[in-house]
Amino acid sequence: MKALKANRLIDGEAVWLTEAGGWSDRVSAARTEGDAEGHATLEQIGVQATADSIVVNAELIDVEIRDGTPVPTKLKERIRALGPTVRLDLGKQSEPKSRLQEVA
């Protein structure tokens, strides 16, 4: 399975394309695709969103579905989903534990 990850241009926040076609800072809201045609569609959406100056660095990432929720398979992407690792009182990792369980 793949999801489309990018950085929002206005603030640099890591975001994921949603089923509704918007961008969410929660990987749990990410639209996922499991075949080559779906992957190509996601890539096209990323190219257009970049051209429209909505996001930068749009790329497909590997995810797996756990309890109906997309979870990044690579550590780098799980860290990106949570925010900086240097201080636990800042960023997404400072939110309630339920948020952390999204990518655990």
PDB file of N, CA and C in Angstrom:
ATOM      1  N   MET A   1       0.847  -1.179   0.000  1.00  0.00           N
ATOM      2  CA  MET A   1       0.000   0.000   0.000  1.00  0.00           C
ATOM      3  C   MET A   1       0.889   1.238   0.000  1.00  0.00           C
ATOM      4  N   LYS A   2       0.386   2.273  -0.637  1.00  0.00           N
ATOM      5  CA  LYS A   2       1.113   3.542  -0.705  1.00  0.00           C
ATOM      6  C   LYS A   2       0.180   4.681  -0.291  1.00  0.00           C
ATOM      7  N   ALA A   3       0.794   5.735   0.239  1.00  0.00           N
ATOM      8  CA  ALA A   3       0.103   6.985   0.538  1.00  0.00           C
ATOM      9  C   ALA A   3       0.961   8.107  -0.018  1.00  0.00           C
ATOM     10  N   LEU A   4       0.336   9.261  -0.254  1.00  0.00           N
ATOM     11  CA  LEU A   4       1.061  10.414  -0.780  1.00  0.00           C
ATOM     12  C   LEU A   4       1.383  11.360   0.361  1.00  0.00           C
ATOM     13  N   LYS A   5       2.679  11.554   0.598  1.00  0.00           N
ATOM     14  CA  LYS A   5       3.193  12.433   1.644  1.00  0.00           C
ATOM     15  C   LYS A   5       3.781  13.654   0.984  1.00  0.00           C
ATOM     16  N   ALA A   6       3.674  14.808   1.649  1.00  0.00           N
ATOM     17  CA  ALA A   6       4.280  16.043   1.143  1.00  0.00           C
ATOM     18  C   ALA A   6       4.524  16.968   2.329  1.00  0.00           C
ATOM     19  N   ASN A   7       5.041  18.144   2.033  1.00  0.00           N
ATOM     20  CA  ASN A   7       5.169  19.198   3.040  1.00  0.00           C
ATOM     21  C   ASN A   7       4.334  20.377   2.569  1.00  0.00           C
ATOM     22  N   ARG A   8       3.482  20.862   3.468  1.00  0.00           N
ATOM     23  CA  ARG A   8       2.637  22.009   3.143  1.00  0.00           C
ATOM     24  C   ARG A   8       3.525  23.223   2.912  1.00  0.00           C
ATOM     25  N   LEU A   9       3.299  23.922   1.823  1.00  0.00           N
ATOM     26  CA  LEU A   9       4.172  25.023   1.431  1.00  0.00           C
ATOM     27  C   LEU A   9       4.131  26.184   2.421  1.00  0.00           C
ATOM     28  N   ILE A  10       2.980  26.467   3.014  1.00  0.00           N
ATOM     29  CA  ILE A  10       2.880  27.657   3.867  1.00  0.00           C
ATOM     30  C   ILE A  10       3.592  27.518   5.205  1.00  0.00           C
ATOM     31  N   ASP A  11       3.773  26.272   5.692  1.00  0.00           N
ATOM     32  CA  ASP A  11       4.411  26.125   7.002  1.00  0.00           C
ATOM     33  C   ASP A  11       5.391  24.958   7.104  1.00  0.00           C
ATOM     34  N   GLY A  12       5.540  24.180   6.041  1.00  0.00           N
ATOM     35  CA  GLY A  12       6.492  23.073   6.046  1.00  0.00           C
ATOM     36  C   GLY A  12       6.017  21.821   6.755  1.00  0.00           C
ATOM     37  N   GLU A  13       4.812  21.840   7.291  1.00  0.00           N
ATOM     38  CA  GLU A  13       4.270  20.699   8.033  1.00  0.00           C
ATOM     39  C   GLU A  13       4.132  19.480   7.124  1.00  0.00           C
ATOM     40  N   ALA A  14       4.490  18.301   7.641  1.00  0.00           N
ATOM     41  CA  ALA A  14       4.280  17.056   6.906  1.00  0.00           C
ATOM     42  C   ALA A  14       2.780  16.808   6.810  1.00  0.00           C
ATOM     43  N   VAL A  15       2.313  16.516   5.593  1.00  0.00           N
ATOM     44  CA  VAL A  15       0.890  16.281   5.355  1.00  0.00           C
ATOM     45  C   VAL A  15       0.716  15.082   4.432  1.00  0.00           C
ATOM     46  N   TRP A  16      -0.480  14.488   4.477  1.00  0.00           N
ATOM     47  CA  TRP A  16      -0.822  13.339   3.660  1.00  0.00           C
ATOM     48  C   TRP A  16      -2.111  13.628   2.918  1.00  0.00           C
ATOM     49  N   LEU A  17      -2.181  13.193   1.665  1.00  0.00           N
ATOM     50  CA  LEU A  17      -3.387  13.359   0.868  1.00  0.00           C
ATOM     51  C   LEU A  17      -4.505  12.530   1.473  1.00  0.00           C
ATOM     52  N   THR A  18      -5.700  13.115   1.583  1.00  0.00           N
ATOM     53  CA  THR A  18      -6.853  12.420   2.152  1.00  0.00           C
ATOM     54  C   THR A  18      -7.766  11.891   1.051  1.00  0.00           C
ATOM     55  N   GLU A  19      -8.705  11.041   1.435  1.00  0.00           N
ATOM     56  CA  GLU A  19      -9.702  10.515   0.495  1.00  0.00           C
ATOM     57  C   GLU A  19     -10.506  11.638  -0.145  1.00  0.00           C
ATOM     58  N   ALA A  20     -10.748  12.713   0.609  1.00  0.00           N
ATOM     59  CA  ALA A  20     -11.543  13.840   0.108  1.00  0.00           C
ATOM     60  C   ALA A  20     -10.744  14.748  -0.819  1.00  0.00           C
ATOM     61  N   GLY A  21      -9.444  14.498  -0.962  1.00  0.00           N
ATOM     62  CA  GLY A  21      -8.616  15.300  -1.848  1.00  0.00           C
ATOM     63  C   GLY A  21      -7.923  16.463  -1.174  1.00  0.00           C
ATOM     64  N   GLY A  22      -8.089  16.588   0.137  1.00  0.00           N
ATOM     65  CA  GLY A  22      -7.392  17.624   0.889  1.00  0.00           C
ATOM     66  C   GLY A  22      -6.092  17.085   1.451  1.00  0.00           C
ATOM     67  N   TRP A  23      -5.503  17.848   2.355  1.00  0.00           N
ATOM     68  CA  TRP A  23      -4.239  17.460   2.977  1.00  0.00           C
ATOM     69  C   TRP A  23      -4.412  17.491   4.486  1.00  0.00           C
ATOM     70  N   SER A  24      -3.996  16.436   5.162  1.00  0.00           N
ATOM     71  CA  SER A  24      -4.125  16.329   6.611  1.00  0.00           C
ATOM     72  C   SER A  24      -2.754  16.146   7.246  1.00  0.00           C
ATOM     73  N   ASP A  25      -2.581  16.696   8.452  1.00  0.00           N
ATOM     74  CA  ASP A  25      -1.330  16.473   9.173  1.00  0.00           C
ATOM     75  C   ASP A  25      -1.370  15.164   9.953  1.00  0.00           C
ATOM     76  N   ARG A  26      -2.410  14.395   9.780  1.00  0.00           N
ATOM     77  CA  ARG A  26      -2.537  13.092  10.438  1.00  0.00           C
ATOM     78  C   ARG A  26      -2.436  11.974   9.402  1.00  0.00           C
ATOM     79  N   VAL A  27      -1.440  11.149   9.568  1.00  0.00           N
ATOM     80  CA  VAL A  27      -1.254  10.037   8.638  1.00  0.00           C
ATOM     81  C   VAL A  27      -2.448   9.089   8.691  1.00  0.00           C
ATOM     82  N   SER A  28      -3.152   9.049   9.803  1.00  0.00           N
ATOM     83  CA  SER A  28      -4.322   8.176   9.923  1.00  0.00           C
ATOM     84  C   SER A  28      -5.427   8.562   8.946  1.00  0.00           C
ATOM     85  N   ALA A  29      -5.397   9.781   8.425  1.00  0.00           N
ATOM     86  CA  ALA A  29      -6.408  10.253   7.471  1.00  0.00           C
ATOM     87  C   ALA A  29      -5.981  10.050   6.021  1.00  0.00           C
ATOM     88  N   ALA A  30      -4.825   9.449   5.808  1.00  0.00           N
ATOM     89  CA  ALA A  30      -4.262   9.341   4.455  1.00  0.00           C
ATOM     90  C   ALA A  30      -5.068   8.420   3.552  1.00  0.00           C
ATOM     91  N   ARG A  31      -5.186   8.833   2.318  1.00  0.00           N
ATOM     92  CA  ARG A  31      -5.743   7.983   1.261  1.00  0.00           C
ATOM     93  C   ARG A  31      -4.674   6.962   0.906  1.00  0.00           C
ATOM     94  N   THR A  32      -5.065   5.731   0.710  1.00  0.00           N
ATOM     95  CA  THR A  32      -4.107   4.690   0.342  1.00  0.00           C
ATOM     96  C   THR A  32      -4.521   4.042  -0.973  1.00  0.00           C
ATOM     97  N   GLU A  33      -3.534   3.581  -1.688  1.00  0.00           N
ATOM     98  CA  GLU A  33      -3.754   2.868  -2.950  1.00  0.00           C
ATOM     99  C   GLU A  33      -2.851   1.647  -2.967  1.00  0.00           C
ATOM    100  N   GLY A  34      -3.383   0.547  -3.504  1.00  0.00           N
ATOM    101  CA  GLY A  34      -2.634  -0.696  -3.475  1.00  0.00           C
ATOM    102  C   GLY A  34      -2.154  -1.225  -4.809  1.00  0.00           C
ATOM    103  N   ASP A  35      -2.489  -0.529  -5.911  1.00  0.00           N
ATOM    104  CA  ASP A  35      -2.055  -1.036  -7.215  1.00  0.00           C
ATOM    105  C   ASP A  35      -1.347   0.055  -8.014  1.00  0.00           C
ATOM    106  N   ALA A  36      -0.721  -0.355  -9.112  1.00  0.00           N
ATOM    107  CA  ALA A  36       0.082   0.572  -9.915  1.00  0.00           C
ATOM    108  C   ALA A  36      -0.746   1.737 -10.452  1.00  0.00           C
ATOM    109  N   GLU A  37      -1.972   1.474 -10.852  1.00  0.00           N
ATOM    110  CA  GLU A  37      -2.836   2.546 -11.365  1.00  0.00           C
ATOM    111  C   GLU A  37      -3.138   3.565 -10.264  1.00  0.00           C
ATOM    112  N   GLY A  38      -3.430   3.077  -9.070  1.00  0.00           N
ATOM    113  CA  GLY A  38      -3.676   3.967  -7.937  1.00  0.00           C
ATOM    114  C   GLY A  38      -2.443   4.764  -7.566  1.00  0.00           C
ATOM    115  N   HIS A  39      -1.286   4.115  -7.627  1.00  0.00           N
ATOM    116  CA  HIS A  39      -0.028   4.811  -7.325  1.00  0.00           C
ATOM    117  C   HIS A  39       0.210   5.928  -8.336  1.00  0.00           C
ATOM    118  N   ALA A  40      -0.054   5.647  -9.604  1.00  0.00           N
ATOM    119  CA  ALA A  40       0.124   6.663 -10.647  1.00  0.00           C
ATOM    120  C   ALA A  40      -0.821   7.841 -10.418  1.00  0.00           C
ATOM    121  N   THR A  41      -2.040   7.552  -9.996  1.00  0.00           N
ATOM    122  CA  THR A  41      -3.002   8.621  -9.702  1.00  0.00           C
ATOM    123  C   THR A  41      -2.494   9.493  -8.568  1.00  0.00           C
ATOM    124  N   LEU A  42      -2.007   8.868  -7.503  1.00  0.00           N
ATOM    125  CA  LEU A  42      -1.465   9.636  -6.381  1.00  0.00           C
ATOM    126  C   LEU A  42      -0.301  10.510  -6.841  1.00  0.00           C
ATOM    127  N   GLU A  43       0.585   9.946  -7.639  1.00  0.00           N
ATOM    128  CA  GLU A  43       1.732  10.723  -8.130  1.00  0.00           C
ATOM    129  C   GLU A  43       1.278  11.925  -8.950  1.00  0.00           C
ATOM    130  N   GLN A  44       0.263  11.745  -9.796  1.00  0.00           N
ATOM    131  CA  GLN A  44      -0.256  12.854 -10.601  1.00  0.00           C
ATOM    132  C   GLN A  44      -0.842  13.946  -9.711  1.00  0.00           C
ATOM    133  N   ILE A  45      -1.543  13.547  -8.670  1.00  0.00           N
ATOM    134  CA  ILE A  45      -2.105  14.519  -7.732  1.00  0.00           C
ATOM    135  C   ILE A  45      -0.978  15.298  -7.060  1.00  0.00           C
ATOM    136  N   GLY A  46       0.088  14.607  -6.691  1.00  0.00           N
ATOM    137  CA  GLY A  46       1.237  15.266  -6.071  1.00  0.00           C
ATOM    138  C   GLY A  46       1.903  16.264  -7.000  1.00  0.00           C
ATOM    139  N   VAL A  47       2.053  15.898  -8.264  1.00  0.00           N
ATOM    140  CA  VAL A  47       2.649  16.803  -9.252  1.00  0.00           C
ATOM    141  C   VAL A  47       1.784  18.050  -9.401  1.00  0.00           C
ATOM    142  N   GLN A  48       0.465  17.865  -9.489  1.00  0.00           N
ATOM    143  CA  GLN A  48      -0.430  19.010  -9.651  1.00  0.00           C
ATOM    144  C   GLN A  48      -0.437  19.896  -8.408  1.00  0.00           C
ATOM    145  N   ALA A  49      -0.464  19.292  -7.224  1.00  0.00           N
ATOM    146  CA  ALA A  49      -0.459  20.081  -5.984  1.00  0.00           C
ATOM    147  C   ALA A  49       0.840  20.866  -5.838  1.00  0.00           C
ATOM    148  N   THR A  50       1.935  20.297  -6.306  1.00  0.00           N
ATOM    149  CA  THR A  50       3.214  21.012  -6.294  1.00  0.00           C
ATOM    150  C   THR A  50       3.174  22.173  -7.290  1.00  0.00           C
ATOM    151  N   ALA A  51       2.657  21.923  -8.482  1.00  0.00           N
ATOM    152  CA  ALA A  51       2.545  22.977  -9.497  1.00  0.00           C
ATOM    153  C   ALA A  51       1.627  24.103  -9.029  1.00  0.00           C
ATOM    154  N   ASP A  52       0.609  23.755  -8.232  1.00  0.00           N
ATOM    155  CA  ASP A  52      -0.335  24.748  -7.707  1.00  0.00           C
ATOM    156  C   ASP A  52       0.190  25.446  -6.453  1.00  0.00           C
ATOM    157  N   SER A  53       1.418  25.127  -6.060  1.00  0.00           N
ATOM    158  CA  SER A  53       2.070  25.722  -4.876  1.00  0.00           C
ATOM    159  C   SER A  53       1.297  25.479  -3.577  1.00  0.00           C
ATOM    160  N   ILE A  54       0.752  24.283  -3.458  1.00  0.00           N
ATOM    161  CA  ILE A  54       0.073  23.878  -2.226  1.00  0.00           C
ATOM    162  C   ILE A  54       1.045  23.117  -1.338  1.00  0.00           C
ATOM    163  N   VAL A  55       1.823  22.211  -1.962  1.00  0.00           N
ATOM    164  CA  VAL A  55       2.787  21.390  -1.233  1.00  0.00           C
ATOM    165  C   VAL A  55       4.106  21.354  -1.994  1.00  0.00           C
ATOM    166  N   VAL A  56       5.133  20.851  -1.312  1.00  0.00           N
ATOM    167  CA  VAL A  56       6.428  20.560  -1.930  1.00  0.00           C
ATOM    168  C   VAL A  56       6.835  19.155  -1.505  1.00  0.00           C
ATOM    169  N   ASN A  57       7.784  18.589  -2.211  1.00  0.00           N
ATOM    170  CA  ASN A  57       8.340  17.273  -1.869  1.00  0.00           C
ATOM    171  C   ASN A  57       7.286  16.170  -1.801  1.00  0.00           C
ATOM    172  N   ALA A  58       6.328  16.198  -2.703  1.00  0.00           N
ATOM    173  CA  ALA A  58       5.306  15.149  -2.726  1.00  0.00           C
ATOM    174  C   ALA A  58       5.943  13.840  -3.177  1.00  0.00           C
ATOM    175  N   GLU A  59       5.693  12.779  -2.421  1.00  0.00           N
ATOM    176  CA  GLU A  59       6.236  11.467  -2.776  1.00  0.00           C
ATOM    177  C   GLU A  59       5.391  10.372  -2.159  1.00  0.00           C
ATOM    178  N   LEU A  60       5.417   9.223  -2.802  1.00  0.00           N
ATOM    179  CA  LEU A  60       4.701   8.069  -2.274  1.00  0.00           C
ATOM    180  C   LEU A  60       5.520   7.432  -1.164  1.00  0.00           C
ATOM    181  N   ILE A  61       4.822   7.003  -0.119  1.00  0.00           N
ATOM    182  CA  ILE A  61       5.485   6.263   0.955  1.00  0.00           C
ATOM    183  C   ILE A  61       4.755   4.943   1.155  1.00  0.00           C
ATOM    184  N   ASP A  62       5.468   3.962   1.672  1.00  0.00           N
ATOM    185  CA  ASP A  62       4.876   2.667   1.984  1.00  0.00           C
ATOM    186  C   ASP A  62       4.130   2.759   3.303  1.00  0.00           C
ATOM    187  N   VAL A  63       2.914   2.216   3.306  1.00  0.00           N
ATOM    188  CA  VAL A  63       2.124   2.137   4.531  1.00  0.00           C
ATOM    189  C   VAL A  63       1.521   0.746   4.620  1.00  0.00           C
ATOM    190  N   GLU A  64       1.176   0.369   5.831  1.00  0.00           N
ATOM    191  CA  GLU A  64       0.395  -0.840   6.034  1.00  0.00           C
ATOM    192  C   GLU A  64      -0.852  -0.433   6.801  1.00  0.00           C
ATOM    193  N   ILE A  65      -1.888  -1.224   6.671  1.00  0.00           N
ATOM    194  CA  ILE A  65      -3.139  -0.913   7.355  1.00  0.00           C
ATOM    195  C   ILE A  65      -3.193  -1.724   8.640  1.00  0.00           C
ATOM    196  N   ARG A  66      -3.296  -1.008   9.761  1.00  0.00           N
ATOM    197  CA  ARG A  66      -3.435  -1.643  11.075  1.00  0.00           C
ATOM    198  C   ARG A  66      -4.723  -1.145  11.705  1.00  0.00           C
ATOM    199  N   ASP A  67      -5.611  -2.056  12.018  1.00  0.00           N
ATOM    200  CA  ASP A  67      -6.905  -1.695  12.606  1.00  0.00           C
ATOM    201  C   ASP A  67      -7.616  -0.642  11.767  1.00  0.00           C
ATOM    202  N   GLY A  68      -7.519  -0.773  10.444  1.00  0.00           N
ATOM    203  CA  GLY A  68      -8.202   0.131   9.535  1.00  0.00           C
ATOM    204  C   GLY A  68      -7.534   1.473   9.329  1.00  0.00           C
ATOM    205  N   THR A  69      -6.319   1.643   9.855  1.00  0.00           N
ATOM    206  CA  THR A  69      -5.626   2.929   9.792  1.00  0.00           C
ATOM    207  C   THR A  69      -4.280   2.770   9.096  1.00  0.00           C
ATOM    208  N   PRO A  70      -3.947   3.679   8.155  1.00  0.00           N
ATOM    209  CA  PRO A  70      -2.629   3.618   7.525  1.00  0.00           C
ATOM    210  C   PRO A  70      -1.517   3.957   8.519  1.00  0.00           C
ATOM    211  N   VAL A  71      -0.465   3.160   8.508  1.00  0.00           N
ATOM    212  CA  VAL A  71       0.697   3.375   9.369  1.00  0.00           C
ATOM    213  C   VAL A  71       1.946   3.259   8.492  1.00  0.00           C
ATOM    214  N   PRO A  72       2.831   4.264   8.518  1.00  0.00           N
ATOM    215  CA  PRO A  72       4.060   4.171   7.715  1.00  0.00           C
ATOM    216  C   PRO A  72       4.882   2.950   8.113  1.00  0.00           C
ATOM    217  N   THR A  73       5.490   2.291   7.136  1.00  0.00           N
ATOM    218  CA  THR A  73       6.283   1.101   7.431  1.00  0.00           C
ATOM    219  C   THR A  73       7.732   1.436   7.764  1.00  0.00           C
ATOM    220  N   LYS A  74       8.215   2.574   7.317  1.00  0.00           N
ATOM    221  CA  LYS A  74       9.614   2.956   7.564  1.00  0.00           C
ATOM    222  C   LYS A  74       9.713   3.901   8.758  1.00  0.00           C
ATOM    223  N   LEU A  75      10.748   3.716   9.565  1.00  0.00           N
ATOM    224  CA  LEU A  75      10.957   4.536  10.756  1.00  0.00           C
ATOM    225  C   LEU A  75      11.010   6.023  10.412  1.00  0.00           C
ATOM    226  N   LYS A  76      11.700   6.371   9.343  1.00  0.00           N
ATOM    227  CA  LYS A  76      11.804   7.778   8.934  1.00  0.00           C
ATOM    228  C   LYS A  76      10.422   8.405   8.771  1.00  0.00           C
ATOM    229  N   GLU A  77       9.502   7.687   8.159  1.00  0.00           N
ATOM    230  CA  GLU A  77       8.160   8.225   7.929  1.00  0.00           C
ATOM    231  C   GLU A  77       7.331   8.245   9.209  1.00  0.00           C
ATOM    232  N   ARG A  78       7.572   7.298  10.110  1.00  0.00           N
ATOM    233  CA  ARG A  78       6.875   7.348  11.409  1.00  0.00           C
ATOM    234  C   ARG A  78       7.341   8.559  12.198  1.00  0.00           C
ATOM    235  N   ILE A  79       8.644   8.868  12.146  1.00  0.00           N
ATOM    236  CA  ILE A  79       9.165  10.060  12.816  1.00  0.00           C
ATOM    237  C   ILE A  79       8.567  11.306  12.184  1.00  0.00           C
ATOM    238  N   ARG A  80       8.494  11.349  10.870  1.00  0.00           N
ATOM    239  CA  ARG A  80       7.901  12.494  10.175  1.00  0.00           C
ATOM    240  C   ARG A  80       6.443  12.691  10.618  1.00  0.00           C
ATOM    241  N   ALA A  81       5.739  11.599  10.828  1.00  0.00           N
ATOM    242  CA  ALA A  81       4.338  11.688  11.249  1.00  0.00           C
ATOM    243  C   ALA A  81       4.197  12.263  12.652  1.00  0.00           C
ATOM    244  N   LEU A  82       5.211  12.082  13.490  1.00  0.00           N
ATOM    245  CA  LEU A  82       5.147  12.557  14.875  1.00  0.00           C
ATOM    246  C   LEU A  82       5.798  13.912  15.090  1.00  0.00           C
ATOM    247  N   GLY A  83       6.715  14.301  14.229  1.00  0.00           N
ATOM    248  CA  GLY A  83       7.386  15.586  14.403  1.00  0.00           C
ATOM    249  C   GLY A  83       8.779  15.411  14.981  1.00  0.00           C
ATOM    250  N   PRO A  84       9.415  16.515  15.391  1.00  0.00           N
ATOM    251  CA  PRO A  84      10.802  16.477  15.869  1.00  0.00           C
ATOM    252  C   PRO A  84      10.997  15.491  17.019  1.00  0.00           C
ATOM    253  N   THR A  85      12.170  14.880  17.064  1.00  0.00           N
ATOM    254  CA  THR A  85      12.460  13.913  18.123  1.00  0.00           C
ATOM    255  C   THR A  85      13.352  14.495  19.207  1.00  0.00           C
ATOM    256  N   VAL A  86      13.742  15.748  19.079  1.00  0.00           N
ATOM    257  CA  VAL A  86      14.699  16.321  20.018  1.00  0.00           C
ATOM    258  C   VAL A  86      14.071  16.716  21.351  1.00  0.00           C
ATOM    259  N   ARG A  87      12.789  17.057  21.362  1.00  0.00           N
ATOM    260  CA  ARG A  87      12.103  17.408  22.608  1.00  0.00           C
ATOM    261  C   ARG A  87      10.696  16.838  22.569  1.00  0.00           C
ATOM    262  N   LEU A  88      10.366  16.045  23.553  1.00  0.00           N
ATOM    263  CA  LEU A  88       9.060  15.402  23.586  1.00  0.00           C
ATOM    264  C   LEU A  88       7.935  16.352  23.962  1.00  0.00           C
ATOM    265  N   ASP A  89       8.280  17.561  24.418  1.00  0.00           N
ATOM    266  CA  ASP A  89       7.239  18.519  24.785  1.00  0.00           C
ATOM    267  C   ASP A  89       6.864  19.433  23.617  1.00  0.00           C
ATOM    268  N   LEU A  90       7.445  19.200  22.447  1.00  0.00           N
ATOM    269  CA  LEU A  90       7.147  19.993  21.260  1.00  0.00           C
ATOM    270  C   LEU A  90       6.606  19.096  20.159  1.00  0.00           C
ATOM    271  N   GLY A  91       5.909  19.669  19.223  1.00  0.00           N
ATOM    272  CA  GLY A  91       5.458  18.929  18.051  1.00  0.00           C
ATOM    273  C   GLY A  91       4.342  17.954  18.351  1.00  0.00           C
ATOM    274  N   LYS A  92       4.096  17.097  17.392  1.00  0.00           N
ATOM    275  CA  LYS A  92       2.985  16.150  17.483  1.00  0.00           C
ATOM    276  C   LYS A  92       3.159  15.152  18.617  1.00  0.00           C
ATOM    277  N   GLN A  93       4.425  14.862  18.964  1.00  0.00           N
ATOM    278  CA  GLN A  93       4.662  13.878  20.022  1.00  0.00           C
ATOM    279  C   GLN A  93       4.236  14.389  21.391  1.00  0.00           C
ATOM    280  N   SER A  94       3.962  15.687  21.531  1.00  0.00           N
ATOM    281  CA  SER A  94       3.503  16.233  22.811  1.00  0.00           C
ATOM    282  C   SER A  94       1.995  16.070  22.984  1.00  0.00           C
ATOM    283  N   GLU A  95       1.313  15.584  21.951  1.00  0.00           N
ATOM    284  CA  GLU A  95      -0.130  15.393  22.011  1.00  0.00           C
ATOM    285  C   GLU A  95      -0.464  14.120  22.786  1.00  0.00           C
ATOM    286  N   PRO A  96      -1.741  13.935  23.109  1.00  0.00           N
ATOM    287  CA  PRO A  96      -2.144  12.747  23.878  1.00  0.00           C
ATOM    288  C   PRO A  96      -1.652  11.446  23.255  1.00  0.00           C
ATOM    289  N   LYS A  97      -1.521  10.443  24.090  1.00  0.00           N
ATOM    290  CA  LYS A  97      -0.980   9.155  23.667  1.00  0.00           C
ATOM    291  C   LYS A  97      -1.723   8.552  22.482  1.00  0.00           C
ATOM    292  N   SER A  98      -3.009   8.812  22.359  1.00  0.00           N
ATOM    293  CA  SER A  98      -3.761   8.236  21.248  1.00  0.00           C
ATOM    294  C   SER A  98      -3.160   8.638  19.911  1.00  0.00           C
ATOM    295  N   ARG A  99      -2.601   9.832  19.843  1.00  0.00           N
ATOM    296  CA  ARG A  99      -1.957  10.295  18.610  1.00  0.00           C
ATOM    297  C   ARG A  99      -0.726   9.442  18.313  1.00  0.00           C
ATOM    298  N   LEU A 100       0.037   9.117  19.349  1.00  0.00           N
ATOM    299  CA  LEU A 100       1.236   8.305  19.161  1.00  0.00           C
ATOM    300  C   LEU A 100       0.888   6.909  18.680  1.00  0.00           C
ATOM    301  N   GLN A 101      -0.245   6.401  19.111  1.00  0.00           N
ATOM    302  CA  GLN A 101      -0.641   5.055  18.724  1.00  0.00           C
ATOM    303  C   GLN A 101      -0.957   4.954  17.238  1.00  0.00           C
ATOM    304  N   GLU A 102      -1.199   6.102  16.581  1.00  0.00           N
ATOM    305  CA  GLU A 102      -1.474   6.086  15.148  1.00  0.00           C
ATOM    306  C   GLU A 102      -0.295   5.542  14.356  1.00  0.00           C
ATOM    307  N   VAL A 103       0.915   5.752  14.837  1.00  0.00           N
ATOM    308  CA  VAL A 103       2.092   5.356  14.066  1.00  0.00           C
ATOM    309  C   VAL A 103       2.970   4.355  14.802  1.00  0.00           C
ATOM    310  N   ALA A 104       2.538   3.876  15.925  1.00  0.00           N
ATOM    311  CA  ALA A 104       3.341   2.938  16.718  1.00  0.00           C
ATOM    312  C   ALA A 104       3.403   1.583  16.053  1.00  0.00           C
TER     313      ALA A 104
END
